[in-house]
Amino acid sequence: MELWIATSNKGKLSEFKLLFDKELPALRVFSQADLPTFHAPPENGKTFLDNARIKARSMKAMKPGQWVMGEDSGLEVEALNNLPGIHSARYAGPHASDSENMAKLLKMLQIRTNAVRKARFLCTMVVFSPTGEELQFVGELAGSIERTPRGQMGFGYDPIFLPDGESKTLAELGPAFKTKSSHRAKATLEFIVKLGSAISVPD
């Protein structure tokens, strides 16, 4: 059985594959990079759900008889009125790097004296079954924003995000933590429960 994921983000794809390889080794996972004719649609939705559905539908059009997934996720910071939110990947501009996005976020918090640094990562996932049934899964990871980046593992805002109850950032905790506790892992594991019933997994 195949799963096609509408993403060009190598960090996300790596996390997905780690989870699926562990929980459903019989599943073959592909991404839009495996479809040379795939054209990523504009992510012009107003919510994570909107953008996840846009991605999933674009992949469904290419692979109508397979399981397909679209996912959108981002960071919401309380003191910034839940920004960057759906703009997380392009917070500092359309082609901003991870370091540029982090730098802007830290600067925006710095100019707000005594700002609450509470934040959360959100993940919304839309999946279409081979028969066209739409499924939705959501995951959340609460935490706070550190004042300086720490750690070399992960991507995006991981070096400045401190999960609640932890003393290390996501970039320090690395894949072992993220595949169990991240917002993306929580949504994916819910999907795996659903998907597992359709796959015969060898002992």
C-alpha atoms as a PDB file:
ATOM      1  CA  MET A   1       0.000   0.000   0.000  1.00  0.00           C
ATOM      2  CA  GLU A   2       1.163   3.517  -0.809  1.00  0.00           C
ATOM      3  CA  LEU A   3       0.834   6.911   0.864  1.00  0.00           C
ATOM      4  CA  TRP A   4       1.529  10.080  -1.113  1.00  0.00           C
ATOM      5  CA  ILE A   5       2.330  13.195   0.906  1.00  0.00           C
ATOM      6  CA  ALA A   6       1.963  16.644  -0.608  1.00  0.00           C
ATOM      7  CA  THR A   7       5.053  18.311   0.818  1.00  0.00           C
ATOM      8  CA  SER A   8       8.366  19.673  -0.403  1.00  0.00           C
ATOM      9  CA  ASN A   9       9.676  20.168   3.146  1.00  0.00           C
ATOM     10  CA  LYS A  10      12.478  17.653   3.634  1.00  0.00           C
ATOM     11  CA  GLY A  11      12.401  18.027   7.409  1.00  0.00           C
ATOM     12  CA  LYS A  12       8.701  17.191   7.595  1.00  0.00           C
ATOM     13  CA  LEU A  13       9.049  14.297   5.178  1.00  0.00           C
ATOM     14  CA  SER A  14      11.894  12.831   7.237  1.00  0.00           C
ATOM     15  CA  GLU A  15       9.743  12.961  10.380  1.00  0.00           C
ATOM     16  CA  PHE A  16       6.816  11.323   8.593  1.00  0.00           C
ATOM     17  CA  LYS A  17       8.988   8.526   7.237  1.00  0.00           C
ATOM     18  CA  LEU A  18      10.513   7.831  10.650  1.00  0.00           C
ATOM     19  CA  LEU A  19       7.039   7.398  12.122  1.00  0.00           C
ATOM     20  CA  PHE A  20       5.615   5.299   9.313  1.00  0.00           C
ATOM     21  CA  ASP A  21       8.713   3.100   9.054  1.00  0.00           C
ATOM     22  CA  LYS A  22       8.437   2.353  12.765  1.00  0.00           C
ATOM     23  CA  GLU A  23       4.686   1.850  13.034  1.00  0.00           C
ATOM     24  CA  LEU A  24       3.724   0.597   9.543  1.00  0.00           C
ATOM     25  CA  PRO A  25       6.787  -0.878   7.811  1.00  0.00           C
ATOM     26  CA  ALA A  26       4.604  -2.359   5.037  1.00  0.00           C
ATOM     27  CA  LEU A  27       3.558   1.114   3.919  1.00  0.00           C
ATOM     28  CA  ARG A  28       5.491   2.774   1.089  1.00  0.00           C
ATOM     29  CA  VAL A  29       5.724   6.541   1.517  1.00  0.00           C
ATOM     30  CA  PHE A  30       6.192   8.963  -1.368  1.00  0.00           C
ATOM     31  CA  SER A  31       6.137  12.738  -1.697  1.00  0.00           C
ATOM     32  CA  GLN A  32       5.572  15.284  -4.442  1.00  0.00           C
ATOM     33  CA  ALA A  33       9.279  15.068  -5.243  1.00  0.00           C
ATOM     34  CA  ASP A  34       8.507  11.648  -6.712  1.00  0.00           C
ATOM     35  CA  LEU A  35       6.085  13.243  -9.191  1.00  0.00           C
ATOM     36  CA  PRO A  36       8.002  15.395 -11.713  1.00  0.00           C
ATOM     37  CA  THR A  37       4.718  16.745 -13.119  1.00  0.00           C
ATOM     38  CA  PHE A  38       3.356  17.813  -9.732  1.00  0.00           C
ATOM     39  CA  HIS A  39       2.825  21.542  -9.350  1.00  0.00           C
ATOM     40  CA  ALA A  40       2.424  22.721  -5.767  1.00  0.00           C
ATOM     41  CA  PRO A  41      -0.728  24.832  -5.392  1.00  0.00           C
ATOM     42  CA  PRO A  42      -0.634  28.250  -3.702  1.00  0.00           C
ATOM     43  CA  GLU A  43      -1.240  27.943   0.030  1.00  0.00           C
ATOM     44  CA  ASN A  44      -3.750  30.776   0.212  1.00  0.00           C
ATOM     45  CA  GLY A  45      -6.069  29.388   2.881  1.00  0.00           C
ATOM     46  CA  LYS A  46      -6.957  31.291   6.026  1.00  0.00           C
ATOM     47  CA  THR A  47      -6.372  28.377   8.409  1.00  0.00           C
ATOM     48  CA  PHE A  48      -4.106  25.354   8.795  1.00  0.00           C
ATOM     49  CA  LEU A  49      -7.075  23.190   7.776  1.00  0.00           C
ATOM     50  CA  ASP A  50      -7.619  25.212   4.593  1.00  0.00           C
ATOM     51  CA  ASN A  51      -4.008  24.812   3.517  1.00  0.00           C
ATOM     52  CA  ALA A  52      -3.846  21.124   4.449  1.00  0.00           C
ATOM     53  CA  ARG A  53      -6.957  20.470   2.337  1.00  0.00           C
ATOM     54  CA  ILE A  54      -5.534  22.436  -0.607  1.00  0.00           C
ATOM     55  CA  LYS A  55      -2.416  20.272  -0.544  1.00  0.00           C
ATOM     56  CA  ALA A  56      -4.322  17.017  -0.116  1.00  0.00           C
ATOM     57  CA  ARG A  57      -6.685  17.791  -2.985  1.00  0.00           C
ATOM     58  CA  SER A  58      -3.802  18.633  -5.300  1.00  0.00           C
ATOM     59  CA  MET A  59      -2.189  15.286  -4.565  1.00  0.00           C
ATOM     60  CA  LYS A  60      -5.511  13.444  -4.832  1.00  0.00           C
ATOM     61  CA  ALA A  61      -5.876  14.800  -8.374  1.00  0.00           C
ATOM     62  CA  MET A  62      -2.554  13.138  -9.234  1.00  0.00           C
ATOM     63  CA  LYS A  63      -3.067   9.918  -7.256  1.00  0.00           C
ATOM     64  CA  PRO A  64      -6.843   9.331  -7.068  1.00  0.00           C
ATOM     65  CA  GLY A  65      -6.635   5.637  -6.169  1.00  0.00           C
ATOM     66  CA  GLN A  66      -4.125   5.951  -3.326  1.00  0.00           C
ATOM     67  CA  TRP A  67      -3.992   7.244   0.221  1.00  0.00           C
ATOM     68  CA  VAL A  68      -2.919  10.896   0.015  1.00  0.00           C
ATOM     69  CA  MET A  69      -2.092  13.430   2.719  1.00  0.00           C
ATOM     70  CA  GLY A  70      -1.793  17.182   2.985  1.00  0.00           C
ATOM     71  CA  GLU A  71      -0.493  18.763   6.168  1.00  0.00           C
ATOM     72  CA  ASP A  72      -0.047  22.298   7.404  1.00  0.00           C
ATOM     73  CA  SER A  73       1.564  23.270  10.669  1.00  0.00           C
ATOM     74  CA  GLY A  74       3.084  26.250  12.370  1.00  0.00           C
ATOM     75  CA  LEU A  75       3.963  28.129  15.514  1.00  0.00           C
ATOM     76  CA  GLU A  76       1.545  30.349  17.414  1.00  0.00           C
ATOM     77  CA  VAL A  77       3.028  32.785  19.942  1.00  0.00           C
ATOM     78  CA  GLU A  78       0.569  34.227  22.469  1.00  0.00           C
ATOM     79  CA  ALA A  79       2.255  37.627  22.805  1.00  0.00           C
ATOM     80  CA  LEU A  80       2.240  38.074  19.013  1.00  0.00           C
ATOM     81  CA  ASN A  81      -1.504  37.473  18.693  1.00  0.00           C
ATOM     82  CA  ASN A  82      -0.810  33.884  17.612  1.00  0.00           C
ATOM     83  CA  LEU A  83       1.588  34.871  14.845  1.00  0.00           C
ATOM     84  CA  PRO A  84       3.374  33.612  12.837  1.00  0.00           C
ATOM     85  CA  GLY A  85       0.662  30.920  12.550  1.00  0.00           C
ATOM     86  CA  ILE A  86      -0.044  29.910   8.955  1.00  0.00           C
ATOM     87  CA  HIS A  87       2.768  32.248   7.887  1.00  0.00           C
ATOM     88  CA  SER A  88       5.398  30.377   9.924  1.00  0.00           C
ATOM     89  CA  ALA A  89       7.435  29.210   6.934  1.00  0.00           C
ATOM     90  CA  ARG A  90       7.561  32.706   5.410  1.00  0.00           C
ATOM     91  CA  TYR A  91       7.364  34.943   8.482  1.00  0.00           C
ATOM     92  CA  ALA A  92      10.433  36.978   7.453  1.00  0.00           C
ATOM     93  CA  GLY A  93       9.563  36.919   3.746  1.00  0.00           C
ATOM     94  CA  PRO A  94       8.516  34.592   0.901  1.00  0.00           C
ATOM     95  CA  HIS A  95      11.909  32.898   0.660  1.00  0.00           C
ATOM     96  CA  ALA A  96      13.127  33.381   4.238  1.00  0.00           C
ATOM     97  CA  SER A  97      15.459  30.840   5.809  1.00  0.00           C
ATOM     98  CA  ASP A  98      14.786  29.192   9.160  1.00  0.00           C
ATOM     99  CA  SER A  99      17.371  31.445  10.825  1.00  0.00           C
ATOM    100  CA  GLU A 100      15.755  34.566   9.348  1.00  0.00           C
ATOM    101  CA  ASN A 101      12.319  33.519  10.571  1.00  0.00           C
ATOM    102  CA  MET A 102      13.652  32.843  14.062  1.00  0.00           C
ATOM    103  CA  ALA A 103      15.505  36.141  14.137  1.00  0.00           C
ATOM    104  CA  LYS A 104      12.360  38.079  13.261  1.00  0.00           C
ATOM    105  CA  LEU A 105      10.282  36.253  15.861  1.00  0.00           C
ATOM    106  CA  LEU A 106      12.854  36.880  18.594  1.00  0.00           C
ATOM    107  CA  LYS A 107      13.054  40.548  17.599  1.00  0.00           C
ATOM    108  CA  MET A 108       9.264  40.932  17.712  1.00  0.00           C
ATOM    109  CA  LEU A 109       9.219  39.468  21.210  1.00  0.00           C
ATOM    110  CA  GLN A 110      12.166  41.598  22.329  1.00  0.00           C
ATOM    111  CA  ILE A 111      10.387  44.858  21.509  1.00  0.00           C
ATOM    112  CA  ARG A 112       7.466  43.779  23.672  1.00  0.00           C
ATOM    113  CA  THR A 113       8.817  44.371  27.169  1.00  0.00           C
ATOM    114  CA  ASN A 114       8.005  41.537  29.580  1.00  0.00           C
ATOM    115  CA  ALA A 115       6.023  39.749  26.893  1.00  0.00           C
ATOM    116  CA  VAL A 116       4.654  36.332  27.808  1.00  0.00           C
ATOM    117  CA  ARG A 117       6.696  33.785  25.860  1.00  0.00           C
ATOM    118  CA  LYS A 118       4.039  31.083  25.848  1.00  0.00           C
ATOM    119  CA  ALA A 119       3.626  29.357  22.477  1.00  0.00           C
ATOM    120  CA  ARG A 120       2.393  26.218  20.797  1.00  0.00           C
ATOM    121  CA  PHE A 121       2.989  24.224  17.650  1.00  0.00           C
ATOM    122  CA  LEU A 122      -0.139  23.128  15.786  1.00  0.00           C
ATOM    123  CA  CYS A 123      -0.472  20.507  13.062  1.00  0.00           C
ATOM    124  CA  THR A 124      -3.556  19.872  10.951  1.00  0.00           C
ATOM    125  CA  MET A 125      -3.650  16.944   8.564  1.00  0.00           C
ATOM    126  CA  VAL A 126      -6.154  16.147   5.815  1.00  0.00           C
ATOM    127  CA  VAL A 127      -6.114  12.653   4.350  1.00  0.00           C
ATOM    128  CA  PHE A 128      -8.085  11.214   1.442  1.00  0.00           C
ATOM    129  CA  SER A 129      -8.605   7.454   1.293  1.00  0.00           C
ATOM    130  CA  PRO A 130      -8.489   5.593  -2.046  1.00  0.00           C
ATOM    131  CA  THR A 131     -12.296   5.836  -2.141  1.00  0.00           C
ATOM    132  CA  GLY A 132     -12.252   9.608  -1.579  1.00  0.00           C
ATOM    133  CA  GLU A 133     -13.210   9.712   2.114  1.00  0.00           C
ATOM    134  CA  GLU A 134     -11.786  12.796   3.840  1.00  0.00           C
ATOM    135  CA  LEU A 135     -10.196  12.356   7.258  1.00  0.00           C
ATOM    136  CA  GLN A 136      -8.820  15.052   9.552  1.00  0.00           C
ATOM    137  CA  PHE A 137      -6.237  14.781  12.329  1.00  0.00           C
ATOM    138  CA  VAL A 138      -4.880  17.471  14.667  1.00  0.00           C
ATOM    139  CA  GLY A 139      -1.867  17.600  16.978  1.00  0.00           C
ATOM    140  CA  GLU A 140      -0.569  20.225  19.403  1.00  0.00           C
ATOM    141  CA  LEU A 141       2.632  20.767  21.396  1.00  0.00           C
ATOM    142  CA  ALA A 142       2.628  23.476  24.063  1.00  0.00           C
ATOM    143  CA  GLY A 143       5.734  25.275  25.232  1.00  0.00           C
ATOM    144  CA  SER A 144       7.543  28.596  25.289  1.00  0.00           C
ATOM    145  CA  ILE A 145      10.049  30.598  23.251  1.00  0.00           C
ATOM    146  CA  GLU A 146      13.684  30.725  24.380  1.00  0.00           C
ATOM    147  CA  ARG A 147      15.693  33.936  24.068  1.00  0.00           C
ATOM    148  CA  THR A 148      18.457  32.379  21.964  1.00  0.00           C
ATOM    149  CA  PRO A 149      18.583  29.330  19.660  1.00  0.00           C
ATOM    150  CA  ARG A 150      19.978  26.088  21.073  1.00  0.00           C
ATOM    151  CA  GLY A 151      20.607  22.760  19.368  1.00  0.00           C
ATOM    152  CA  GLN A 152      21.476  21.483  15.909  1.00  0.00           C
ATOM    153  CA  MET A 153      18.754  18.895  15.305  1.00  0.00           C
ATOM    154  CA  GLY A 154      15.379  19.605  13.780  1.00  0.00           C
ATOM    155  CA  PHE A 155      14.331  22.498  11.552  1.00  0.00           C
ATOM    156  CA  GLY A 156      12.144  25.584  11.507  1.00  0.00           C
ATOM    157  CA  TYR A 157      11.672  27.089  14.964  1.00  0.00           C
ATOM    158  CA  ASP A 158      12.902  23.984  16.817  1.00  0.00           C
ATOM    159  CA  PRO A 159      16.044  25.696  18.236  1.00  0.00           C
ATOM    160  CA  ILE A 160      13.972  28.312  20.111  1.00  0.00           C
ATOM    161  CA  PHE A 161      10.996  26.179  21.169  1.00  0.00           C
ATOM    162  CA  LEU A 162      11.064  24.723  24.689  1.00  0.00           C
ATOM    163  CA  PRO A 163       8.312  22.118  25.215  1.00  0.00           C
ATOM    164  CA  ASP A 164       6.445  22.294  28.511  1.00  0.00           C
ATOM    165  CA  GLY A 165       8.152  20.125  31.146  1.00  0.00           C
ATOM    166  CA  GLU A 166      11.467  19.978  29.277  1.00  0.00           C
ATOM    167  CA  SER A 167      14.801  21.721  29.870  1.00  0.00           C
ATOM    168  CA  LYS A 168      15.994  21.349  26.280  1.00  0.00           C
ATOM    169  CA  THR A 169      14.714  22.831  23.031  1.00  0.00           C
ATOM    170  CA  LEU A 170      13.240  20.670  20.280  1.00  0.00           C
ATOM    171  CA  ALA A 171      16.508  21.041  18.376  1.00  0.00           C
ATOM    172  CA  GLU A 172      18.365  19.598  21.370  1.00  0.00           C
ATOM    173  CA  LEU A 173      15.824  16.848  22.079  1.00  0.00           C
ATOM    174  CA  GLY A 174      15.950  15.631  18.494  1.00  0.00           C
ATOM    175  CA  PRO A 175      14.068  12.924  16.575  1.00  0.00           C
ATOM    176  CA  ALA A 176      13.632  10.546  19.529  1.00  0.00           C
ATOM    177  CA  PHE A 177      11.462  13.131  21.298  1.00  0.00           C
ATOM    178  CA  LYS A 178       9.703  14.452  18.227  1.00  0.00           C
ATOM    179  CA  THR A 179       8.563  11.044  16.960  1.00  0.00           C
ATOM    180  CA  LYS A 180       6.754  10.531  20.260  1.00  0.00           C
ATOM    181  CA  SER A 181       5.602  13.938  21.420  1.00  0.00           C
ATOM    182  CA  SER A 182       5.610  16.569  18.680  1.00  0.00           C
ATOM    183  CA  HIS A 183       2.462  18.124  17.271  1.00  0.00           C
ATOM    184  CA  ARG A 184       3.133  16.363  13.967  1.00  0.00           C
ATOM    185  CA  ALA A 185       3.726  13.017  15.653  1.00  0.00           C
ATOM    186  CA  LYS A 186       0.456  13.248  17.582  1.00  0.00           C
ATOM    187  CA  ALA A 187      -1.566  13.886  14.420  1.00  0.00           C
ATOM    188  CA  THR A 188       0.333  11.227  12.474  1.00  0.00           C
ATOM    189  CA  LEU A 189      -0.103   8.579  15.161  1.00  0.00           C
ATOM    190  CA  GLU A 190      -3.870   9.163  15.094  1.00  0.00           C
ATOM    191  CA  PHE A 191      -3.792   8.622  11.343  1.00  0.00           C
ATOM    192  CA  ILE A 192      -1.680   5.482  11.737  1.00  0.00           C
ATOM    193  CA  VAL A 193      -4.344   3.932  13.960  1.00  0.00           C
ATOM    194  CA  LYS A 194      -6.871   4.464  11.161  1.00  0.00           C
ATOM    195  CA  LEU A 195      -4.518   3.401   8.402  1.00  0.00           C
ATOM    196  CA  GLY A 196      -3.283   0.339  10.267  1.00  0.00           C
ATOM    197  CA  SER A 197      -6.646  -1.365   9.985  1.00  0.00           C
ATOM    198  CA  ALA A 198      -6.281  -1.277   6.195  1.00  0.00           C
ATOM    199  CA  ILE A 199      -2.800  -2.771   6.118  1.00  0.00           C
ATOM    200  CA  SER A 200      -1.608  -6.231   6.988  1.00  0.00           C
ATOM    201  CA  VAL A 201       1.561  -5.658   8.991  1.00  0.00           C
ATOM    202  CA  PRO A 202       3.960  -8.658   9.210  1.00  0.00           C
ATOM    203  CA  ASP A 203       5.072  -9.835  12.644  1.00  0.00           C
END
